[in-house]
Amino acid sequence: MPEVTNAAPRRLLVVWHGFTGATRAMAEAVASAARESAGDALDVRLLQAAEAGADDVLAADAVVFATPETLASISGAMKDFFDRSYYPLLGRCDGKPYALVVCAGSDGRPTIAQLQRIATGLRLREVAEPLLVCTHAQTPEAIAARKVLPEAELARGRELGALLAAGLELGIF
């Protein structure tokens, strides 16, 4: 007879910030797919950057950071999250798996590089290629407009969520 254990479920934390709906939609796609893939074996927390802190990261087995690109950088709210959390996390989350989601109007690479530098400083371990969603918004009106992402982009978010759930469930990371 297999041994029954009452181990606590693994925890995936998705820290996000957004302005126009794109980043939120991607963060929700990641979280919902992770929940569906792992069921009760995974506790998925979806927290806005302003509500998240170092304790949330420390309690998680893996973390996704999702942000829009704002002036070739992470959003101010995401920067605030890291400003509040970086030093309390330093030396306490070495090797913790992470993944990135960046929604950008045209590029996104500077934001990904900035997030990867922060993660390197914290000694986090990247377990998936950064997910970059380009909305092609170039005018002030298009940049500020509410975004509805195509199903193909949301599917990429769901794939990331399922990947993270499987990796946590199998103990790969």
C-alpha atoms as a PDB file:
ATOM      1  CA  MET A   1       0.000   0.000   0.000  1.00  0.00           C
ATOM      2  CA  PRO A   2       1.462   3.431  -0.906  1.00  0.00           C
ATOM      3  CA  GLU A   3       2.523   5.646   1.931  1.00  0.00           C
ATOM      4  CA  VAL A   4       0.108   8.496   2.600  1.00  0.00           C
ATOM      5  CA  THR A   5       1.680  11.816   3.445  1.00  0.00           C
ATOM      6  CA  ASN A   6       0.112  15.042   4.569  1.00  0.00           C
ATOM      7  CA  ALA A   7       2.782  17.243   3.077  1.00  0.00           C
ATOM      8  CA  ALA A   8       1.794  20.847   2.550  1.00  0.00           C
ATOM      9  CA  PRO A   9       1.192  21.718  -1.083  1.00  0.00           C
ATOM     10  CA  ARG A  10       3.973  23.431  -2.973  1.00  0.00           C
ATOM     11  CA  ARG A  11       3.448  27.178  -3.485  1.00  0.00           C
ATOM     12  CA  LEU A  12       3.756  29.262  -6.648  1.00  0.00           C
ATOM     13  CA  LEU A  13       3.730  33.025  -6.205  1.00  0.00           C
ATOM     14  CA  VAL A  14       2.881  35.344  -9.089  1.00  0.00           C
ATOM     15  CA  VAL A  15       3.841  38.962  -8.331  1.00  0.00           C
ATOM     16  CA  TRP A  16       2.443  41.338 -10.922  1.00  0.00           C
ATOM     17  CA  HIS A  17       1.721  44.939 -11.739  1.00  0.00           C
ATOM     18  CA  GLY A  18      -0.030  46.428 -14.726  1.00  0.00           C
ATOM     19  CA  PHE A  19      -1.759  49.471 -16.103  1.00  0.00           C
ATOM     20  CA  THR A  20      -3.836  48.467 -19.114  1.00  0.00           C
ATOM     21  CA  GLY A  21      -4.865  44.851 -18.567  1.00  0.00           C
ATOM     22  CA  ALA A  22      -2.210  42.991 -20.571  1.00  0.00           C
ATOM     23  CA  THR A  23       0.099  42.104 -17.692  1.00  0.00           C
ATOM     24  CA  ARG A  24      -2.814  41.219 -15.434  1.00  0.00           C
ATOM     25  CA  ALA A  25      -4.255  38.929 -18.110  1.00  0.00           C
ATOM     26  CA  MET A  26      -0.915  37.166 -18.514  1.00  0.00           C
ATOM     27  CA  ALA A  27      -0.418  36.816 -14.751  1.00  0.00           C
ATOM     28  CA  GLU A  28      -3.921  35.371 -14.417  1.00  0.00           C
ATOM     29  CA  ALA A  29      -3.278  32.971 -17.322  1.00  0.00           C
ATOM     30  CA  VAL A  30      -0.106  31.701 -15.620  1.00  0.00           C
ATOM     31  CA  ALA A  31      -1.855  31.322 -12.256  1.00  0.00           C
ATOM     32  CA  SER A  32      -5.026  29.663 -13.559  1.00  0.00           C
ATOM     33  CA  ALA A  33      -3.118  27.106 -15.647  1.00  0.00           C
ATOM     34  CA  ALA A  34      -0.855  26.278 -12.710  1.00  0.00           C
ATOM     35  CA  ARG A  35      -3.924  25.725 -10.498  1.00  0.00           C
ATOM     36  CA  GLU A  36      -5.637  23.570 -13.125  1.00  0.00           C
ATOM     37  CA  SER A  37      -2.510  21.514 -13.811  1.00  0.00           C
ATOM     38  CA  ALA A  38      -1.591  20.686 -10.230  1.00  0.00           C
ATOM     39  CA  GLY A  39      -4.896  20.844  -8.382  1.00  0.00           C
ATOM     40  CA  ASP A  40      -4.500  20.503  -4.631  1.00  0.00           C
ATOM     41  CA  ALA A  41      -0.781  19.754  -4.958  1.00  0.00           C
ATOM     42  CA  LEU A  42      -0.058  23.440  -5.598  1.00  0.00           C
ATOM     43  CA  ASP A  43      -1.085  26.584  -3.760  1.00  0.00           C
ATOM     44  CA  VAL A  44      -1.021  29.446  -6.262  1.00  0.00           C
ATOM     45  CA  ARG A  45      -0.926  33.013  -4.947  1.00  0.00           C
ATOM     46  CA  LEU A  46      -1.505  35.908  -7.335  1.00  0.00           C
ATOM     47  CA  LEU A  47      -0.451  39.165  -5.666  1.00  0.00           C
ATOM     48  CA  GLN A  48      -0.196  42.698  -6.955  1.00  0.00           C
ATOM     49  CA  ALA A  49       3.304  44.082  -6.450  1.00  0.00           C
ATOM     50  CA  ALA A  50       2.023  46.648  -3.937  1.00  0.00           C
ATOM     51  CA  GLU A  51       0.609  43.833  -1.759  1.00  0.00           C
ATOM     52  CA  ALA A  52       3.564  41.440  -2.019  1.00  0.00           C
ATOM     53  CA  GLY A  53       6.685  41.417   0.098  1.00  0.00           C
ATOM     54  CA  ALA A  54       9.740  39.413   1.058  1.00  0.00           C
ATOM     55  CA  ASP A  55       7.764  37.038   3.292  1.00  0.00           C
ATOM     56  CA  ASP A  56       5.579  36.048   0.331  1.00  0.00           C
ATOM     57  CA  VAL A  57       8.646  35.235  -1.760  1.00  0.00           C
ATOM     58  CA  LEU A  58      10.242  33.277   1.079  1.00  0.00           C
ATOM     59  CA  ALA A  59       7.049  31.238   1.562  1.00  0.00           C
ATOM     60  CA  ALA A  60       6.933  30.318  -2.139  1.00  0.00           C
ATOM     61  CA  ASP A  61       8.657  27.399  -3.828  1.00  0.00           C
ATOM     62  CA  ALA A  62       8.809  29.333  -7.129  1.00  0.00           C
ATOM     63  CA  VAL A  63       8.027  32.886  -8.218  1.00  0.00           C
ATOM     64  CA  VAL A  64       6.826  34.579 -11.398  1.00  0.00           C
ATOM     65  CA  PHE A  65       7.433  38.306 -11.795  1.00  0.00           C
ATOM     66  CA  ALA A  66       5.077  39.965 -14.297  1.00  0.00           C
ATOM     67  CA  THR A  67       5.413  43.624 -15.248  1.00  0.00           C
ATOM     68  CA  PRO A  68       4.784  46.013 -18.094  1.00  0.00           C
ATOM     69  CA  GLU A  69       7.738  47.753 -19.629  1.00  0.00           C
ATOM     70  CA  THR A  70       7.591  51.416 -18.662  1.00  0.00           C
ATOM     71  CA  LEU A  71      10.170  53.684 -20.298  1.00  0.00           C
ATOM     72  CA  ALA A  72      12.465  50.680 -20.988  1.00  0.00           C
ATOM     73  CA  SER A  73      12.246  49.565 -17.353  1.00  0.00           C
ATOM     74  CA  ILE A  74      10.116  47.630 -14.887  1.00  0.00           C
ATOM     75  CA  SER A  75       7.041  49.475 -13.673  1.00  0.00           C
ATOM     76  CA  GLY A  76       7.321  51.755 -10.651  1.00  0.00           C
ATOM     77  CA  ALA A  77       5.177  49.441  -8.536  1.00  0.00           C
ATOM     78  CA  MET A  78       7.384  46.467  -9.397  1.00  0.00           C
ATOM     79  CA  LYS A  79      10.478  48.530  -8.579  1.00  0.00           C
ATOM     80  CA  ASP A  80       8.863  49.450  -5.258  1.00  0.00           C
ATOM     81  CA  PHE A  81       8.300  45.742  -4.582  1.00  0.00           C
ATOM     82  CA  PHE A  82      11.996  45.038  -5.178  1.00  0.00           C
ATOM     83  CA  ASP A  83      13.064  48.126  -3.208  1.00  0.00           C
ATOM     84  CA  ARG A  84      11.105  46.803  -0.212  1.00  0.00           C
ATOM     85  CA  SER A  85      12.052  43.150  -0.660  1.00  0.00           C
ATOM     86  CA  TYR A  86      15.571  42.944  -2.062  1.00  0.00           C
ATOM     87  CA  TYR A  87      17.633  43.258   1.113  1.00  0.00           C
ATOM     88  CA  PRO A  88      15.290  41.153   3.259  1.00  0.00           C
ATOM     89  CA  LEU A  89      15.603  38.431   0.560  1.00  0.00           C
ATOM     90  CA  LEU A  90      19.350  38.687   0.021  1.00  0.00           C
ATOM     91  CA  GLY A  91      21.016  35.408   0.958  1.00  0.00           C
ATOM     92  CA  ARG A  92      17.685  33.779   1.842  1.00  0.00           C
ATOM     93  CA  CYS A  93      16.325  32.554  -1.499  1.00  0.00           C
ATOM     94  CA  ASP A  94      19.401  31.193  -3.287  1.00  0.00           C
ATOM     95  CA  GLY A  95      18.373  28.791  -6.047  1.00  0.00           C
ATOM     96  CA  LYS A  96      14.641  29.519  -5.778  1.00  0.00           C
ATOM     97  CA  PRO A  97      13.076  28.958  -9.229  1.00  0.00           C
ATOM     98  CA  TYR A  98      11.655  31.970 -11.038  1.00  0.00           C
ATOM     99  CA  ALA A  99      10.187  33.009 -14.372  1.00  0.00           C
ATOM    100  CA  LEU A 100       9.424  36.360 -16.000  1.00  0.00           C
ATOM    101  CA  VAL A 101       6.535  37.872 -17.931  1.00  0.00           C
ATOM    102  CA  VAL A 102       7.005  41.274 -19.566  1.00  0.00           C
ATOM    103  CA  CYS A 103       4.363  43.115 -21.586  1.00  0.00           C
ATOM    104  CA  ALA A 104       5.854  45.809 -23.798  1.00  0.00           C
ATOM    105  CA  GLY A 105       4.760  48.122 -26.561  1.00  0.00           C
ATOM    106  CA  SER A 106       7.758  47.518 -28.751  1.00  0.00           C
ATOM    107  CA  ASP A 107      10.841  45.961 -27.158  1.00  0.00           C
ATOM    108  CA  GLY A 108      10.838  44.541 -23.625  1.00  0.00           C
ATOM    109  CA  ARG A 109      14.449  43.368 -23.689  1.00  0.00           C
ATOM    110  CA  PRO A 110      15.731  46.135 -21.358  1.00  0.00           C
ATOM    111  CA  THR A 111      13.067  45.202 -18.811  1.00  0.00           C
ATOM    112  CA  ILE A 112      13.881  41.510 -19.052  1.00  0.00           C
ATOM    113  CA  ALA A 113      17.584  42.328 -18.599  1.00  0.00           C
ATOM    114  CA  GLN A 114      16.792  44.488 -15.560  1.00  0.00           C
ATOM    115  CA  LEU A 115      14.710  41.727 -13.955  1.00  0.00           C
ATOM    116  CA  GLN A 116      17.391  39.136 -14.689  1.00  0.00           C
ATOM    117  CA  ARG A 117      20.029  41.350 -13.030  1.00  0.00           C
ATOM    118  CA  ILE A 118      17.851  41.645  -9.931  1.00  0.00           C
ATOM    119  CA  ALA A 119      17.260  37.872  -9.919  1.00  0.00           C
ATOM    120  CA  THR A 120      20.981  37.228 -10.351  1.00  0.00           C
ATOM    121  CA  GLY A 121      21.708  39.431  -7.334  1.00  0.00           C
ATOM    122  CA  LEU A 122      19.210  37.408  -5.311  1.00  0.00           C
ATOM    123  CA  ARG A 123      20.704  34.203  -6.727  1.00  0.00           C
ATOM    124  CA  LEU A 124      17.342  33.040  -8.012  1.00  0.00           C
ATOM    125  CA  ARG A 125      17.344  30.302 -10.666  1.00  0.00           C
ATOM    126  CA  GLU A 126      15.624  31.026 -13.986  1.00  0.00           C
ATOM    127  CA  VAL A 127      13.638  27.928 -15.009  1.00  0.00           C
ATOM    128  CA  ALA A 128      11.909  29.171 -18.167  1.00  0.00           C
ATOM    129  CA  GLU A 129      12.683  31.558 -20.986  1.00  0.00           C
ATOM    130  CA  PRO A 130      11.258  35.016 -20.246  1.00  0.00           C
ATOM    131  CA  LEU A 131       7.797  35.420 -21.719  1.00  0.00           C
ATOM    132  CA  LEU A 132       7.691  38.660 -23.725  1.00  0.00           C
ATOM    133  CA  VAL A 133       4.356  39.952 -25.000  1.00  0.00           C
ATOM    134  CA  CYS A 134       4.619  42.782 -27.511  1.00  0.00           C
ATOM    135  CA  THR A 135       1.445  44.827 -27.928  1.00  0.00           C
ATOM    136  CA  HIS A 136       2.926  47.118 -30.637  1.00  0.00           C
ATOM    137  CA  ALA A 137       1.431  50.158 -28.900  1.00  0.00           C
ATOM    138  CA  GLN A 138       3.342  53.188 -30.167  1.00  0.00           C
ATOM    139  CA  THR A 139       1.161  56.273 -29.785  1.00  0.00           C
ATOM    140  CA  PRO A 140       0.190  57.837 -26.447  1.00  0.00           C
ATOM    141  CA  GLU A 141      -3.405  56.767 -27.070  1.00  0.00           C
ATOM    142  CA  ALA A 142      -2.456  53.172 -27.938  1.00  0.00           C
ATOM    143  CA  ILE A 143      -0.075  52.910 -24.988  1.00  0.00           C
ATOM    144  CA  ALA A 144      -2.741  54.077 -22.513  1.00  0.00           C
ATOM    145  CA  ALA A 145      -5.571  52.053 -24.089  1.00  0.00           C
ATOM    146  CA  ARG A 146      -7.055  49.005 -22.368  1.00  0.00           C
ATOM    147  CA  LYS A 147      -5.434  45.865 -23.816  1.00  0.00           C
ATOM    148  CA  VAL A 148      -7.160  42.656 -24.784  1.00  0.00           C
ATOM    149  CA  LEU A 149      -4.527  40.075 -25.630  1.00  0.00           C
ATOM    150  CA  PRO A 150      -4.922  37.568 -28.434  1.00  0.00           C
ATOM    151  CA  GLU A 151      -5.649  33.985 -27.418  1.00  0.00           C
ATOM    152  CA  ALA A 152      -2.206  32.911 -28.688  1.00  0.00           C
ATOM    153  CA  GLU A 153      -0.489  35.173 -26.142  1.00  0.00           C
ATOM    154  CA  LEU A 154      -2.705  33.980 -23.298  1.00  0.00           C
ATOM    155  CA  ALA A 155      -1.937  30.391 -24.334  1.00  0.00           C
ATOM    156  CA  ARG A 156       1.769  31.145 -23.864  1.00  0.00           C
ATOM    157  CA  GLY A 157       0.986  32.291 -20.314  1.00  0.00           C
ATOM    158  CA  ARG A 158      -0.988  29.126 -19.649  1.00  0.00           C
ATOM    159  CA  GLU A 159       1.912  27.035 -20.981  1.00  0.00           C
ATOM    160  CA  LEU A 160       4.252  28.767 -18.538  1.00  0.00           C
ATOM    161  CA  GLY A 161       1.855  28.120 -15.651  1.00  0.00           C
ATOM    162  CA  ALA A 162       1.534  24.442 -16.569  1.00  0.00           C
ATOM    163  CA  LEU A 163       5.305  24.115 -16.902  1.00  0.00           C
ATOM    164  CA  LEU A 164       5.892  25.625 -13.471  1.00  0.00           C
ATOM    165  CA  ALA A 165       3.208  23.443 -11.894  1.00  0.00           C
ATOM    166  CA  ALA A 166       4.680  20.299 -13.428  1.00  0.00           C
ATOM    167  CA  GLY A 167       8.220  21.221 -12.416  1.00  0.00           C
ATOM    168  CA  LEU A 168       7.151  21.849  -8.832  1.00  0.00           C
ATOM    169  CA  GLU A 169       4.973  18.746  -8.660  1.00  0.00           C
ATOM    170  CA  LEU A 170       7.747  16.500 -10.026  1.00  0.00           C
ATOM    171  CA  GLY A 171      10.417  18.078  -7.830  1.00  0.00           C
ATOM    172  CA  ILE A 172      12.437  19.197 -10.846  1.00  0.00           C
ATOM    173  CA  PHE A 173      12.643  22.615  -9.232  1.00  0.00           C
END
